[in-house]
Amino acid sequence: MLVSGDRAPALGLLDQDGHKVSLSSYKGRRVLLYFYPKA
């Protein structure tokens, strides 16, 4: 489990349009990840 201030692991996901997005694309920026069940 990560706690505030930990480095995030490498992560790649598909966005709502099906394009791959890497967490590394946001290096140096604050990012909030929100996961929810697919309807």
PDB file of N, CA and C in Angstrom:
ATOM      1  N   MET A   1       0.841  -1.175   0.000  1.00  0.00           N
ATOM      2  CA  MET A   1       0.000   0.000   0.000  1.00  0.00           C
ATOM      3  C   MET A   1       0.885   1.237   0.000  1.00  0.00           C
ATOM      4  N   LEU A   2       0.589   2.165  -0.867  1.00  0.00           N
ATOM      5  CA  LEU A   2       1.330   3.423  -0.919  1.00  0.00           C
ATOM      6  C   LEU A   2       0.796   4.387   0.122  1.00  0.00           C
ATOM      7  N   VAL A   3       1.685   5.207   0.636  1.00  0.00           N
ATOM      8  CA  VAL A   3       1.281   6.290   1.531  1.00  0.00           C
ATOM      9  C   VAL A   3       1.712   7.601   0.905  1.00  0.00           C
ATOM     10  N   SER A   4       1.171   8.678   1.388  1.00  0.00           N
ATOM     11  CA  SER A   4       1.492   9.996   0.853  1.00  0.00           C
ATOM     12  C   SER A   4       3.004  10.207   0.819  1.00  0.00           C
ATOM     13  N   GLY A   5       3.509  10.639  -0.333  1.00  0.00           N
ATOM     14  CA  GLY A   5       4.935  10.888  -0.492  1.00  0.00           C
ATOM     15  C   GLY A   5       5.694   9.743  -1.143  1.00  0.00           C
ATOM     16  N   ASP A   6       5.095   8.545  -1.227  1.00  0.00           N
ATOM     17  CA  ASP A   6       5.742   7.409  -1.892  1.00  0.00           C
ATOM     18  C   ASP A   6       5.791   7.648  -3.395  1.00  0.00           C
ATOM     19  N   ARG A   7       6.805   7.079  -4.037  1.00  0.00           N
ATOM     20  CA  ARG A   7       6.856   7.114  -5.497  1.00  0.00           C
ATOM     21  C   ARG A   7       5.881   6.080  -6.043  1.00  0.00           C
ATOM     22  N   ALA A   8       5.172   6.470  -7.060  1.00  0.00           N
ATOM     23  CA  ALA A   8       4.213   5.554  -7.681  1.00  0.00           C
ATOM     24  C   ALA A   8       4.947   4.552  -8.564  1.00  0.00           C
ATOM     25  N   PRO A   9       4.466   3.323  -8.631  1.00  0.00           N
ATOM     26  CA  PRO A   9       5.068   2.338  -9.528  1.00  0.00           C
ATOM     27  C   PRO A   9       4.743   2.670 -10.985  1.00  0.00           C
ATOM     28  N   ALA A  10       5.498   2.075 -11.903  1.00  0.00           N
ATOM     29  CA  ALA A  10       5.207   2.253 -13.329  1.00  0.00           C
ATOM     30  C   ALA A  10       3.791   1.751 -13.592  1.00  0.00           C
ATOM     31  N   LEU A  11       3.050   2.510 -14.370  1.00  0.00           N
ATOM     32  CA  LEU A  11       1.652   2.175 -14.599  1.00  0.00           C
ATOM     33  C   LEU A  11       1.233   2.639 -15.978  1.00  0.00           C
ATOM     34  N   GLY A  12       0.545   1.799 -16.694  1.00  0.00           N
ATOM     35  CA  GLY A  12      -0.002   2.152 -17.999  1.00  0.00           C
ATOM     36  C   GLY A  12      -1.425   1.641 -18.096  1.00  0.00           C
ATOM     37  N   LEU A  13      -2.338   2.494 -18.516  1.00  0.00           N
ATOM     38  CA  LEU A  13      -3.753   2.141 -18.612  1.00  0.00           C
ATOM     39  C   LEU A  13      -4.337   2.676 -19.901  1.00  0.00           C
ATOM     40  N   LEU A  14      -5.535   2.229 -20.225  1.00  0.00           N
ATOM     41  CA  LEU A  14      -6.253   2.763 -21.377  1.00  0.00           C
ATOM     42  C   LEU A  14      -7.189   3.872 -20.912  1.00  0.00           C
ATOM     43  N   ASP A  15      -7.225   4.967 -21.668  1.00  0.00           N
ATOM     44  CA  ASP A  15      -8.149   6.049 -21.335  1.00  0.00           C
ATOM     45  C   ASP A  15      -9.536   5.735 -21.883  1.00  0.00           C
ATOM     46  N   GLN A  16     -10.466   6.658 -21.721  1.00  0.00           N
ATOM     47  CA  GLN A  16     -11.850   6.427 -22.144  1.00  0.00           C
ATOM     48  C   GLN A  16     -11.990   6.234 -23.648  1.00  0.00           C
ATOM     49  N   ASP A  17     -10.973   6.634 -24.424  1.00  0.00           N
ATOM     50  CA  ASP A  17     -11.001   6.469 -25.878  1.00  0.00           C
ATOM     51  C   ASP A  17     -10.190   5.267 -26.351  1.00  0.00           C
ATOM     52  N   GLY A  18      -9.641   4.491 -25.397  1.00  0.00           N
ATOM     53  CA  GLY A  18      -8.879   3.304 -25.746  1.00  0.00           C
ATOM     54  C   GLY A  18      -7.411   3.556 -26.038  1.00  0.00           C
ATOM     55  N   HIS A  19      -6.910   4.773 -25.775  1.00  0.00           N
ATOM     56  CA  HIS A  19      -5.500   5.097 -25.987  1.00  0.00           C
ATOM     57  C   HIS A  19      -4.701   4.784 -24.728  1.00  0.00           C
ATOM     58  N   LYS A  20      -3.501   4.216 -24.905  1.00  0.00           N
ATOM     59  CA  LYS A  20      -2.652   3.895 -23.766  1.00  0.00           C
ATOM     60  C   LYS A  20      -2.064   5.176 -23.173  1.00  0.00           C
ATOM     61  N   VAL A  21      -2.155   5.280 -21.866  1.00  0.00           N
ATOM     62  CA  VAL A  21      -1.627   6.431 -21.135  1.00  0.00           C
ATOM     63  C   VAL A  21      -0.674   5.899 -20.076  1.00  0.00           C
ATOM     64  N   SER A  22       0.532   6.464 -20.011  1.00  0.00           N
ATOM     65  CA  SER A  22       1.520   6.054 -19.018  1.00  0.00           C
ATOM     66  C   SER A  22       1.595   7.085 -17.906  1.00  0.00           C
ATOM     67  N   LEU A  23       1.735   6.603 -16.694  1.00  0.00           N
ATOM     68  CA  LEU A  23       1.883   7.505 -15.563  1.00  0.00           C
ATOM     69  C   LEU A  23       3.139   8.356 -15.722  1.00  0.00           C
ATOM     70  N   SER A  24       4.163   7.813 -16.377  1.00  0.00           N
ATOM     71  CA  SER A  24       5.413   8.560 -16.569  1.00  0.00           C
ATOM     72  C   SER A  24       5.208   9.813 -17.422  1.00  0.00           C
ATOM     73  N   SER A  25       4.122   9.870 -18.181  1.00  0.00           N
ATOM     74  CA  SER A  25       3.820  11.060 -18.982  1.00  0.00           C
ATOM     75  C   SER A  25       3.508  12.266 -18.101  1.00  0.00           C
ATOM     76  N   TYR A  26       3.202  12.006 -16.851  1.00  0.00           N
ATOM     77  CA  TYR A  26       2.819  13.072 -15.924  1.00  0.00           C
ATOM     78  C   TYR A  26       3.893  13.324 -14.869  1.00  0.00           C
ATOM     79  N   LYS A  27       5.127  12.917 -15.156  1.00  0.00           N
ATOM     80  CA  LYS A  27       6.219  13.087 -14.199  1.00  0.00           C
ATOM     81  C   LYS A  27       6.344  14.548 -13.783  1.00  0.00           C
ATOM     82  N   GLY A  28       6.460  14.779 -12.479  1.00  0.00           N
ATOM     83  CA  GLY A  28       6.601  16.130 -11.947  1.00  0.00           C
ATOM     84  C   GLY A  28       5.277  16.846 -11.723  1.00  0.00           C
ATOM     85  N   ARG A  29       4.181  16.179 -12.067  1.00  0.00           N
ATOM     86  CA  ARG A  29       2.855  16.780 -11.884  1.00  0.00           C
ATOM     87  C   ARG A  29       2.066  15.953 -10.869  1.00  0.00           C
ATOM     88  N   ARG A  30       1.126  16.572 -10.220  1.00  0.00           N
ATOM     89  CA  ARG A  30       0.258  15.849  -9.298  1.00  0.00           C
ATOM     90  C   ARG A  30      -0.796  15.110 -10.098  1.00  0.00           C
ATOM     91  N   VAL A  31      -1.037  13.873  -9.693  1.00  0.00           N
ATOM     92  CA  VAL A  31      -1.994  13.020 -10.409  1.00  0.00           C
ATOM     93  C   VAL A  31      -2.913  12.356  -9.387  1.00  0.00           C
ATOM     94  N   LEU A  32      -4.185  12.348  -9.689  1.00  0.00           N
ATOM     95  CA  LEU A  32      -5.158  11.634  -8.871  1.00  0.00           C
ATOM     96  C   LEU A  32      -5.735  10.508  -9.721  1.00  0.00           C
ATOM     97  N   LEU A  33      -5.586   9.285  -9.253  1.00  0.00           N
ATOM     98  CA  LEU A  33      -6.148   8.134  -9.960  1.00  0.00           C
ATOM     99  C   LEU A  33      -7.437   7.732  -9.261  1.00  0.00           C
ATOM    100  N   TYR A  34      -8.468   7.572 -10.046  1.00  0.00           N
ATOM    101  CA  TYR A  34      -9.768   7.185  -9.504  1.00  0.00           C
ATOM    102  C   TYR A  34     -10.234   5.957 -10.270  1.00  0.00           C
ATOM    103  N   PHE A  35     -10.459   4.866  -9.564  1.00  0.00           N
ATOM    104  CA  PHE A  35     -10.909   3.625 -10.184  1.00  0.00           C
ATOM    105  C   PHE A  35     -12.355   3.371  -9.790  1.00  0.00           C
ATOM    106  N   TYR A  36     -13.149   2.948 -10.751  1.00  0.00           N
ATOM    107  CA  TYR A  36     -14.540   2.615 -10.469  1.00  0.00           C
ATOM    108  C   TYR A  36     -14.941   1.431 -11.336  1.00  0.00           C
ATOM    109  N   PRO A  37     -15.956   0.684 -10.915  1.00  0.00           N
ATOM    110  CA  PRO A  37     -16.378  -0.472 -11.704  1.00  0.00           C
ATOM    111  C   PRO A  37     -16.959  -0.054 -13.047  1.00  0.00           C
ATOM    112  N   LYS A  38     -16.659  -0.831 -14.061  1.00  0.00           N
ATOM    113  CA  LYS A  38     -17.202  -0.556 -15.390  1.00  0.00           C
ATOM    114  C   LYS A  38     -18.692  -0.894 -15.393  1.00  0.00           C
ATOM    115  N   ALA A  39     -19.479   0.003 -15.927  1.00  0.00           N
ATOM    116  CA  ALA A  39     -20.940  -0.205 -15.931  1.00  0.00           C
ATOM    117  C   ALA A  39     -21.349  -1.141 -17.038  1.00  0.00           C
TER     118      ALA A  39
END
